[in-house]
C-alpha atoms as a PDB file:
ATOM      1  CA  UNK A   1     -82.516  11.027 -85.872  1.00  0.00           C
ATOM      2  CA  UNK A   2     -79.268  12.161 -87.477  1.00  0.00           C
ATOM      3  CA  UNK A   3     -78.628  14.700 -84.854  1.00  0.00           C
ATOM      4  CA  UNK A   4     -79.244  11.933 -82.413  1.00  0.00           C
ATOM      5  CA  UNK A   5     -76.692   9.600 -83.795  1.00  0.00           C
ATOM      6  CA  UNK A   6     -74.239  12.191 -83.979  1.00  0.00           C
ATOM      7  CA  UNK A   7     -74.064  13.339 -80.669  1.00  0.00           C
ATOM      8  CA  UNK A   8     -74.468   9.286 -79.484  1.00  0.00           C
ATOM      9  CA  UNK A   9     -71.432   9.083 -82.202  1.00  0.00           C
ATOM     10  CA  UNK A  10     -69.408  12.282 -80.250  1.00  0.00           C
ATOM     11  CA  UNK A  11     -70.443  10.823 -76.420  1.00  0.00           C
ATOM     12  CA  UNK A  12     -68.404   7.488 -77.635  1.00  0.00           C
ATOM     13  CA  UNK A  13     -65.788   9.535 -78.976  1.00  0.00           C
ATOM     14  CA  UNK A  14     -65.524  11.395 -75.623  1.00  0.00           C
ATOM     15  CA  UNK A  15     -65.485   8.576 -73.208  1.00  0.00           C
ATOM     16  CA  UNK A  16     -63.088   6.915 -75.174  1.00  0.00           C
ATOM     17  CA  UNK A  17     -60.765   9.636 -74.526  1.00  0.00           C
ATOM     18  CA  UNK A  18     -61.387   9.977 -70.756  1.00  0.00           C
ATOM     19  CA  UNK A  19     -60.360   6.378 -70.908  1.00  0.00           C
ATOM     20  CA  UNK A  20     -57.552   6.307 -72.565  1.00  0.00           C
ATOM     21  CA  UNK A  21     -56.276   9.207 -70.904  1.00  0.00           C
ATOM     22  CA  UNK A  22     -57.336   7.578 -67.291  1.00  0.00           C
ATOM     23  CA  UNK A  23     -55.105   4.574 -68.923  1.00  0.00           C
ATOM     24  CA  UNK A  24     -51.786   6.902 -69.863  1.00  0.00           C
ATOM     25  CA  UNK A  25     -51.906   8.178 -66.862  1.00  0.00           C
ATOM     26  CA  UNK A  26     -52.279   5.030 -64.106  1.00  0.00           C
ATOM     27  CA  UNK A  27     -49.323   3.539 -66.288  1.00  0.00           C
ATOM     28  CA  UNK A  28     -46.644   6.075 -65.375  1.00  0.00           C
ATOM     29  CA  UNK A  29     -48.143   6.796 -61.770  1.00  0.00           C
ATOM     30  CA  UNK A  30     -47.556   2.997 -61.973  1.00  0.00           C
ATOM     31  CA  UNK A  31     -44.011   3.871 -63.061  1.00  0.00           C
ATOM     32  CA  UNK A  32     -42.942   6.076 -60.833  1.00  0.00           C
ATOM     33  CA  UNK A  33     -43.987   4.455 -57.352  1.00  0.00           C
ATOM     34  CA  UNK A  34     -42.123   1.040 -58.862  1.00  0.00           C
ATOM     35  CA  UNK A  35     -39.017   3.603 -58.959  1.00  0.00           C
ATOM     36  CA  UNK A  36     -39.573   5.546 -56.110  1.00  0.00           C
ATOM     37  CA  UNK A  37     -39.813   1.809 -53.850  1.00  0.00           C
ATOM     38  CA  UNK A  38     -36.596   0.383 -55.626  1.00  0.00           C
ATOM     39  CA  UNK A  39     -34.589   3.627 -54.516  1.00  0.00           C
ATOM     40  CA  UNK A  40     -35.749   3.268 -51.394  1.00  0.00           C
ATOM     41  CA  UNK A  41     -34.787  -0.890 -51.346  1.00  0.00           C
ATOM     42  CA  UNK A  42     -31.605  -0.003 -52.782  1.00  0.00           C
ATOM     43  CA  UNK A  43     -30.891   3.523 -49.865  1.00  0.00           C
ATOM     44  CA  UNK A  44     -31.855   0.753 -47.470  1.00  0.00           C
ATOM     45  CA  UNK A  45     -29.921  -1.860 -48.450  1.00  0.00           C
ATOM     46  CA  UNK A  46     -26.355   0.961 -48.311  1.00  0.00           C
ATOM     47  CA  UNK A  47     -27.615   2.085 -44.854  1.00  0.00           C
ATOM     48  CA  UNK A  48     -27.784  -1.549 -43.356  1.00  0.00           C
ATOM     49  CA  UNK A  49     -24.355  -2.570 -45.115  1.00  0.00           C
ATOM     50  CA  UNK A  50     -22.962   0.376 -43.947  1.00  0.00           C
ATOM     51  CA  UNK A  51     -23.710  -0.181 -40.548  1.00  0.00           C
ATOM     52  CA  UNK A  52     -22.857  -3.760 -40.448  1.00  0.00           C
ATOM     53  CA  UNK A  53     -19.327  -3.341 -42.054  1.00  0.00           C
ATOM     54  CA  UNK A  54     -18.661  -0.297 -39.213  1.00  0.00           C
ATOM     55  CA  UNK A  55     -20.622  -2.297 -36.512  1.00  0.00           C
ATOM     56  CA  UNK A  56     -17.486  -5.584 -37.701  1.00  0.00           C
ATOM     57  CA  UNK A  57     -14.748  -3.042 -37.550  1.00  0.00           C
ATOM     58  CA  UNK A  58     -15.419  -1.828 -33.683  1.00  0.00           C
ATOM     59  CA  UNK A  59     -16.040  -5.715 -32.979  1.00  0.00           C
ATOM     60  CA  UNK A  60     -12.806  -6.472 -34.235  1.00  0.00           C
ATOM     61  CA  UNK A  61     -11.207  -3.447 -32.059  1.00  0.00           C
ATOM     62  CA  UNK A  62     -12.575  -4.694 -29.145  1.00  0.00           C
ATOM     63  CA  UNK A  63     -11.542  -8.109 -29.485  1.00  0.00           C
ATOM     64  CA  UNK A  64      -8.223  -6.894 -30.495  1.00  0.00           C
ATOM     65  CA  UNK A  65      -7.454  -4.968 -27.646  1.00  0.00           C
ATOM     66  CA  UNK A  66      -8.721  -7.492 -25.027  1.00  0.00           C
ATOM     67  CA  UNK A  67      -6.778 -10.290 -26.528  1.00  0.00           C
ATOM     68  CA  UNK A  68      -3.516  -7.681 -25.996  1.00  0.00           C
ATOM     69  CA  UNK A  69      -4.258  -6.998 -22.347  1.00  0.00           C
ATOM     70  CA  UNK A  70      -4.652 -10.890 -21.762  1.00  0.00           C
ATOM     71  CA  UNK A  71      -1.050 -11.566 -23.480  1.00  0.00           C
ATOM     72  CA  UNK A  72       0.471  -8.399 -21.633  1.00  0.00           C
ATOM     73  CA  UNK A  73      -0.907  -9.667 -18.234  1.00  0.00           C
ATOM     74  CA  UNK A  74      -0.263 -13.155 -19.232  1.00  0.00           C
ATOM     75  CA  UNK A  75       4.028 -11.600 -19.881  1.00  0.00           C
ATOM     76  CA  UNK A  76       4.002 -10.271 -16.716  1.00  0.00           C
ATOM     77  CA  UNK A  77       2.765 -13.467 -14.495  1.00  0.00           C
ATOM     78  CA  UNK A  78       5.901 -15.243 -16.751  1.00  0.00           C
ATOM     79  CA  UNK A  79       7.823 -13.353 -15.309  1.00  0.00           C
ATOM     80  CA  UNK A  80       7.129 -12.923 -11.555  1.00  0.00           C
ATOM     81  CA  UNK A  81       7.813 -16.602 -11.721  1.00  0.00           C
ATOM     82  CA  UNK A  82      10.770 -17.251 -13.449  1.00  0.00           C
ATOM     83  CA  UNK A  83      11.884 -14.779 -10.482  1.00  0.00           C
ATOM     84  CA  UNK A  84      10.487 -16.529  -8.196  1.00  0.00           C
ATOM     85  CA  UNK A  85      12.321 -20.164  -9.281  1.00  0.00           C
ATOM     86  CA  UNK A  86      14.968 -18.230  -8.898  1.00  0.00           C
ATOM     87  CA  UNK A  87      14.992 -17.065  -5.464  1.00  0.00           C
ATOM     88  CA  UNK A  88      14.264 -19.837  -4.315  1.00  0.00           C
ATOM     89  CA  UNK A  89      17.071 -22.194  -5.886  1.00  0.00           C
ATOM     90  CA  UNK A  90      19.462 -19.208  -4.341  1.00  0.00           C
ATOM     91  CA  UNK A  91      17.326 -19.803  -1.358  1.00  0.00           C
ATOM     92  CA  UNK A  92      18.135 -23.460  -1.672  1.00  0.00           C
ATOM     93  CA  UNK A  93      21.940 -22.974  -2.448  1.00  0.00           C
ATOM     94  CA  UNK A  94      22.891 -19.996  -0.145  1.00  0.00           C
ATOM     95  CA  UNK A  95      25.160 -20.854   2.953  1.00  0.00           C
ATOM     96  CA  UNK A  96      23.493 -20.303   6.917  1.00  0.00           C
ATOM     97  CA  UNK A  97      24.527 -17.894   8.253  1.00  0.00           C
ATOM     98  CA  UNK A  98      25.656 -18.251  11.881  1.00  0.00           C
ATOM     99  CA  UNK A  99      25.200 -16.264  14.752  1.00  0.00           C
ATOM    100  CA  UNK A 100      28.248 -15.050  16.563  1.00  0.00           C
ATOM    101  CA  UNK A 101      28.488 -16.213  20.006  1.00  0.00           C
ATOM    102  CA  UNK A 102      30.832 -14.815  22.143  1.00  0.00           C
ATOM    103  CA  UNK A 103      32.048 -17.264  24.885  1.00  0.00           C
ATOM    104  CA  UNK A 104      32.598 -15.647  28.219  1.00  0.00           C
ATOM    105  CA  UNK A 105      34.143 -17.517  31.000  1.00  0.00           C
ATOM    106  CA  UNK A 106      32.159 -18.496  33.986  1.00  0.00           C
ATOM    107  CA  UNK A 107      32.577 -20.130  36.990  1.00  0.00           C
ATOM    108  CA  UNK A 108      30.300 -23.474  37.496  1.00  0.00           C
ATOM    109  CA  UNK A 109      27.800 -22.444  39.569  1.00  0.00           C
ATOM    110  CA  UNK A 110      27.039 -25.492  41.072  1.00  0.00           C
ATOM    111  CA  UNK A 111      23.502 -25.640  43.604  1.00  0.00           C
ATOM    112  CA  UNK A 112      22.890 -28.363  46.324  1.00  0.00           C
ATOM    113  CA  UNK A 113      19.430 -28.088  46.828  1.00  0.00           C
ATOM    114  CA  UNK A 114      16.824 -30.491  47.952  1.00  0.00           C
ATOM    115  CA  UNK A 115      12.985 -29.878  47.029  1.00  0.00           C
ATOM    116  CA  UNK A 116      10.735 -31.836  48.128  1.00  0.00           C
ATOM    117  CA  UNK A 117       7.392 -33.565  46.102  1.00  0.00           C
ATOM    118  CA  UNK A 118       4.275 -31.835  46.067  1.00  0.00           C
ATOM    119  CA  UNK A 119       2.569 -34.580  47.416  1.00  0.00           C
ATOM    120  CA  UNK A 120       4.529 -34.182  50.695  1.00  0.00           C
ATOM    121  CA  UNK A 121       4.316 -30.586  51.142  1.00  0.00           C
ATOM    122  CA  UNK A 122       2.056 -29.174  53.998  1.00  0.00           C
ATOM    123  CA  UNK A 123      -0.954 -27.258  52.504  1.00  0.00           C
ATOM    124  CA  UNK A 124      -1.370 -24.106  54.797  1.00  0.00           C
ATOM    125  CA  UNK A 125      -4.130 -21.407  54.662  1.00  0.00           C
ATOM    126  CA  UNK A 126      -3.915 -17.595  54.582  1.00  0.00           C
ATOM    127  CA  UNK A 127      -3.988 -17.518  58.617  1.00  0.00           C
ATOM    128  CA  UNK A 128      -2.159 -20.872  60.418  1.00  0.00           C
ATOM    129  CA  UNK A 129      -1.428 -21.747  64.727  1.00  0.00           C
ATOM    130  CA  UNK A 130       2.202 -21.500  65.134  1.00  0.00           C
ATOM    131  CA  UNK A 131       3.651 -23.301  67.813  1.00  0.00           C
ATOM    132  CA  UNK A 132       6.841 -21.587  70.003  1.00  0.00           C
ATOM    133  CA  UNK A 133       9.403 -23.450  71.439  1.00  0.00           C
ATOM    134  CA  UNK A 134      10.406 -23.772  74.179  1.00  0.00           C
ATOM    135  CA  UNK A 135       7.474 -21.461  75.765  1.00  0.00           C
ATOM    136  CA  UNK A 136       4.491 -23.417  75.425  1.00  0.00           C
ATOM    137  CA  UNK A 137       2.271 -20.697  73.147  1.00  0.00           C
ATOM    138  CA  UNK A 138       0.460 -21.243  70.469  1.00  0.00           C
ATOM    139  CA  UNK A 139       0.281 -18.228  68.322  1.00  0.00           C
ATOM    140  CA  UNK A 140      -1.765 -17.265  65.173  1.00  0.00           C
ATOM    141  CA  UNK A 141       0.444 -16.499  62.183  1.00  0.00           C
ATOM    142  CA  UNK A 142      -0.555 -14.566  58.859  1.00  0.00           C
ATOM    143  CA  UNK A 143       1.409 -16.576  56.328  1.00  0.00           C
ATOM    144  CA  UNK A 144       2.215 -13.881  53.243  1.00  0.00           C
ATOM    145  CA  UNK A 145       4.473 -15.063  50.544  1.00  0.00           C
ATOM    146  CA  UNK A 146       5.555 -11.421  50.152  1.00  0.00           C
ATOM    147  CA  UNK A 147       7.123 -11.435  52.570  1.00  0.00           C
ATOM    148  CA  UNK A 148      11.095 -12.936  52.401  1.00  0.00           C
ATOM    149  CA  UNK A 149      11.545 -13.351  56.640  1.00  0.00           C
ATOM    150  CA  UNK A 150       9.274 -14.513  59.038  1.00  0.00           C
ATOM    151  CA  UNK A 151       8.207 -11.862  61.905  1.00  0.00           C
ATOM    152  CA  UNK A 152       7.201 -12.545  65.577  1.00  0.00           C
ATOM    153  CA  UNK A 153       6.111  -9.923  67.721  1.00  0.00           C
ATOM    154  CA  UNK A 154       8.741  -9.560  70.686  1.00  0.00           C
ATOM    155  CA  UNK A 155       9.310  -7.118  73.926  1.00  0.00           C
ATOM    156  CA  UNK A 156      11.587  -5.699  75.863  1.00  0.00           C
ATOM    157  CA  UNK A 157      14.807  -6.536  73.172  1.00  0.00           C
ATOM    158  CA  UNK A 158      17.534  -5.918  74.564  1.00  0.00           C
ATOM    159  CA  UNK A 159      21.519  -6.961  73.048  1.00  0.00           C
ATOM    160  CA  UNK A 160      24.246  -8.419  74.488  1.00  0.00           C
ATOM    161  CA  UNK A 161      27.456 -10.131  74.422  1.00  0.00           C
ATOM    162  CA  UNK A 162      27.626 -13.673  75.836  1.00  0.00           C
ATOM    163  CA  UNK A 163      31.900 -15.208  74.973  1.00  0.00           C
ATOM    164  CA  UNK A 164      32.648 -12.470  72.728  1.00  0.00           C
ATOM    165  CA  UNK A 165      29.324 -13.066  70.439  1.00  0.00           C
ATOM    166  CA  UNK A 166      26.271 -11.017  69.618  1.00  0.00           C
ATOM    167  CA  UNK A 167      22.928 -12.496  71.409  1.00  0.00           C
ATOM    168  CA  UNK A 168      19.611 -11.260  72.264  1.00  0.00           C
ATOM    169  CA  UNK A 169      17.284 -11.349  74.876  1.00  0.00           C
ATOM    170  CA  UNK A 170      13.295 -11.076  74.474  1.00  0.00           C
ATOM    171  CA  UNK A 171       9.907 -11.392  75.236  1.00  0.00           C
ATOM    172  CA  UNK A 172       7.454 -13.170  73.962  1.00  0.00           C
ATOM    173  CA  UNK A 173       3.705 -12.286  75.224  1.00  0.00           C
ATOM    174  CA  UNK A 174       0.545 -14.628  74.750  1.00  0.00           C
ATOM    175  CA  UNK A 175      -1.749 -12.307  73.737  1.00  0.00           C
ATOM    176  CA  UNK A 176      -4.949 -14.589  75.515  1.00  0.00           C
ATOM    177  CA  UNK A 177      -3.563 -15.440  78.304  1.00  0.00           C
ATOM    178  CA  UNK A 178      -1.250 -12.066  79.526  1.00  0.00           C
ATOM    179  CA  UNK A 179       1.358 -15.024  80.094  1.00  0.00           C
ATOM    180  CA  UNK A 180       5.010 -13.963  79.430  1.00  0.00           C
ATOM    181  CA  UNK A 181       7.712 -16.271  78.314  1.00  0.00           C
ATOM    182  CA  UNK A 182      11.891 -14.985  78.276  1.00  0.00           C
ATOM    183  CA  UNK A 183      14.076 -15.859  75.547  1.00  0.00           C
ATOM    184  CA  UNK A 184      17.769 -15.377  74.711  1.00  0.00           C
ATOM    185  CA  UNK A 185      19.050 -15.911  71.178  1.00  0.00           C
ATOM    186  CA  UNK A 186      22.132 -15.369  69.731  1.00  0.00           C
ATOM    187  CA  UNK A 187      21.727 -13.116  66.509  1.00  0.00           C
ATOM    188  CA  UNK A 188      21.869 -14.658  63.440  1.00  0.00           C
ATOM    189  CA  UNK A 189      22.654 -10.889  61.839  1.00  0.00           C
ATOM    190  CA  UNK A 190      20.999  -7.117  61.929  1.00  0.00           C
ATOM    191  CA  UNK A 191      18.845  -5.686  59.492  1.00  0.00           C
ATOM    192  CA  UNK A 192      17.680  -2.008  58.708  1.00  0.00           C
ATOM    193  CA  UNK A 193      14.150  -1.315  58.118  1.00  0.00           C
ATOM    194  CA  UNK A 194      13.218   1.775  56.197  1.00  0.00           C
ATOM    195  CA  UNK A 195      10.958   3.927  58.017  1.00  0.00           C
ATOM    196  CA  UNK A 196       9.956   7.412  57.467  1.00  0.00           C
ATOM    197  CA  UNK A 197       8.262   8.188  60.992  1.00  0.00           C
ATOM    198  CA  UNK A 198      11.514   7.590  62.371  1.00  0.00           C
ATOM    199  CA  UNK A 199      13.920  10.436  62.910  1.00  0.00           C
ATOM    200  CA  UNK A 200      16.725   8.598  61.378  1.00  0.00           C
ATOM    201  CA  UNK A 201      14.394   7.526  58.887  1.00  0.00           C
ATOM    202  CA  UNK A 202      15.630   3.547  59.201  1.00  0.00           C
ATOM    203  CA  UNK A 203      15.174   1.582  62.164  1.00  0.00           C
ATOM    204  CA  UNK A 204      17.513  -1.443  62.797  1.00  0.00           C
ATOM    205  CA  UNK A 205      16.176  -5.123  63.795  1.00  0.00           C
ATOM    206  CA  UNK A 206      17.855  -8.250  65.618  1.00  0.00           C
ATOM    207  CA  UNK A 207      17.285 -11.649  63.085  1.00  0.00           C
ATOM    208  CA  UNK A 208      17.257 -14.897  65.386  1.00  0.00           C
ATOM    209  CA  UNK A 209      16.215 -18.819  64.468  1.00  0.00           C
ATOM    210  CA  UNK A 210      13.002 -20.060  66.502  1.00  0.00           C
ATOM    211  CA  UNK A 211      11.817 -23.379  66.457  1.00  0.00           C
ATOM    212  CA  UNK A 212       8.638 -23.520  65.379  1.00  0.00           C
ATOM    213  CA  UNK A 213       5.555 -26.445  64.521  1.00  0.00           C
ATOM    214  CA  UNK A 214       2.751 -25.446  62.115  1.00  0.00           C
ATOM    215  CA  UNK A 215       0.508 -28.139  61.820  1.00  0.00           C
ATOM    216  CA  UNK A 216       2.879 -31.601  61.946  1.00  0.00           C
ATOM    217  CA  UNK A 217       5.621 -29.945  60.209  1.00  0.00           C
ATOM    218  CA  UNK A 218       8.593 -28.782  62.647  1.00  0.00           C
ATOM    219  CA  UNK A 219      11.634 -26.664  61.456  1.00  0.00           C
ATOM    220  CA  UNK A 220      14.344 -24.043  61.976  1.00  0.00           C
ATOM    221  CA  UNK A 221      13.402 -20.526  60.435  1.00  0.00           C
ATOM    222  CA  UNK A 222      14.787 -17.102  60.812  1.00  0.00           C
ATOM    223  CA  UNK A 223      12.940 -14.402  62.436  1.00  0.00           C
ATOM    224  CA  UNK A 224      12.744 -11.114  63.250  1.00  0.00           C
ATOM    225  CA  UNK A 225      12.116  -9.657  66.152  1.00  0.00           C
ATOM    226  CA  UNK A 226       9.460  -6.391  66.494  1.00  0.00           C
ATOM    227  CA  UNK A 227       6.893  -4.911  68.142  1.00  0.00           C
ATOM    228  CA  UNK A 228       3.340  -6.072  66.713  1.00  0.00           C
ATOM    229  CA  UNK A 229       1.095  -4.281  69.362  1.00  0.00           C
ATOM    230  CA  UNK A 230      -0.117  -2.884  66.759  1.00  0.00           C
ATOM    231  CA  UNK A 231      -1.161  -5.709  64.288  1.00  0.00           C
ATOM    232  CA  UNK A 232      -3.567  -8.532  64.386  1.00  0.00           C
ATOM    233  CA  UNK A 233      -1.363 -11.056  63.478  1.00  0.00           C
ATOM    234  CA  UNK A 234       1.546 -11.417  66.203  1.00  0.00           C
ATOM    235  CA  UNK A 235       3.296 -13.764  64.155  1.00  0.00           C
ATOM    236  CA  UNK A 236       4.357 -12.971  60.427  1.00  0.00           C
ATOM    237  CA  UNK A 237       5.338 -16.703  58.658  1.00  0.00           C
ATOM    238  CA  UNK A 238       6.884 -15.760  54.924  1.00  0.00           C
ATOM    239  CA  UNK A 239       8.634 -17.138  52.297  1.00  0.00           C
ATOM    240  CA  UNK A 240      12.361 -18.401  53.712  1.00  0.00           C
ATOM    241  CA  UNK A 241      10.097 -20.988  56.240  1.00  0.00           C
ATOM    242  CA  UNK A 242       7.314 -22.126  53.824  1.00  0.00           C
ATOM    243  CA  UNK A 243      10.043 -22.469  51.348  1.00  0.00           C
ATOM    244  CA  UNK A 244      10.097 -26.492  50.100  1.00  0.00           C
ATOM    245  CA  UNK A 245       7.589 -27.950  52.265  1.00  0.00           C
ATOM    246  CA  UNK A 246       4.276 -26.026  52.791  1.00  0.00           C
ATOM    247  CA  UNK A 247       2.069 -24.601  49.757  1.00  0.00           C
ATOM    248  CA  UNK A 248       0.067 -21.550  50.779  1.00  0.00           C
ATOM    249  CA  UNK A 249      -3.512 -21.764  49.719  1.00  0.00           C
ATOM    250  CA  UNK A 250      -4.847 -18.199  50.754  1.00  0.00           C
ATOM    251  CA  UNK A 251      -8.715 -19.049  49.967  1.00  0.00           C
ATOM    252  CA  UNK A 252      -9.197 -20.869  53.356  1.00  0.00           C
ATOM    253  CA  UNK A 253      -7.597 -20.641  56.871  1.00  0.00           C
ATOM    254  CA  UNK A 254      -6.597 -22.680  58.942  1.00  0.00           C
ATOM    255  CA  UNK A 255      -5.836 -25.600  56.669  1.00  0.00           C
ATOM    256  CA  UNK A 256      -2.624 -27.309  58.840  1.00  0.00           C
ATOM    257  CA  UNK A 257      -4.379 -28.406  61.851  1.00  0.00           C
ATOM    258  CA  UNK A 258      -1.465 -27.996  64.489  1.00  0.00           C
ATOM    259  CA  UNK A 259       0.285 -31.451  66.361  1.00  0.00           C
ATOM    260  CA  UNK A 260       1.402 -30.062  69.349  1.00  0.00           C
ATOM    261  CA  UNK A 261       4.697 -31.571  69.873  1.00  0.00           C
ATOM    262  CA  UNK A 262       6.843 -32.023  73.254  1.00  0.00           C
ATOM    263  CA  UNK A 263       8.369 -28.998  74.461  1.00  0.00           C
ATOM    264  CA  UNK A 264      12.453 -29.326  74.256  1.00  0.00           C
ATOM    265  CA  UNK A 265      14.573 -27.046  76.727  1.00  0.00           C
ATOM    266  CA  UNK A 266      17.008 -24.065  74.948  1.00  0.00           C
END
């Protein structure tokens, strides 16, 4: 019994010591853990403060650089505006430079020309019928605005003098009937026409005045006498006959119906 009680006492002491030892160890560990947590919190706060301070400095530097760039741009724009205002004022106040005009004496040219209104002009096509006076021949003519002087198919051209003046005798031939008509006219002038096929490289042609009718227009016009046997049309009407009295419509032919008037012997 005594032994049993002794054993029970010893067991109580053992368990009591164990509980005290466990309680002491747990308290120390808890204190150490609290210290470690406090140290971590302090370290985190320090690092966070350092990063925030660095971020603020970087942002402040960028903001200052942007403001400086904007200030420089504004200063440059202000200088350009000042220069532009100065140039504008200088241009307004500057005297215009008058161009130098060299005056030369020229004799006045007096031109007297009767211009027929367009509505009174005869419209002709690229090909028209022409009545030649004093013969009763009606020939087809090619209207050519590229030629200055008209031309007519003349055969047996012979030049001679009459009363000290130069004249020419020639024959007109009606291609349809084969009828010939001999005419004599005073020579207006003689022109030289370049011809590469000739030995002299040119040909002398006589120009005379003939009375013709195209449509209802009857007029005197200059014609070059030449053999047009190889040409499709025996007559070519140039600008000298068309000027101021006719308008050419190259898209049509025979646009001016021929009005044959009474022949006058000359």
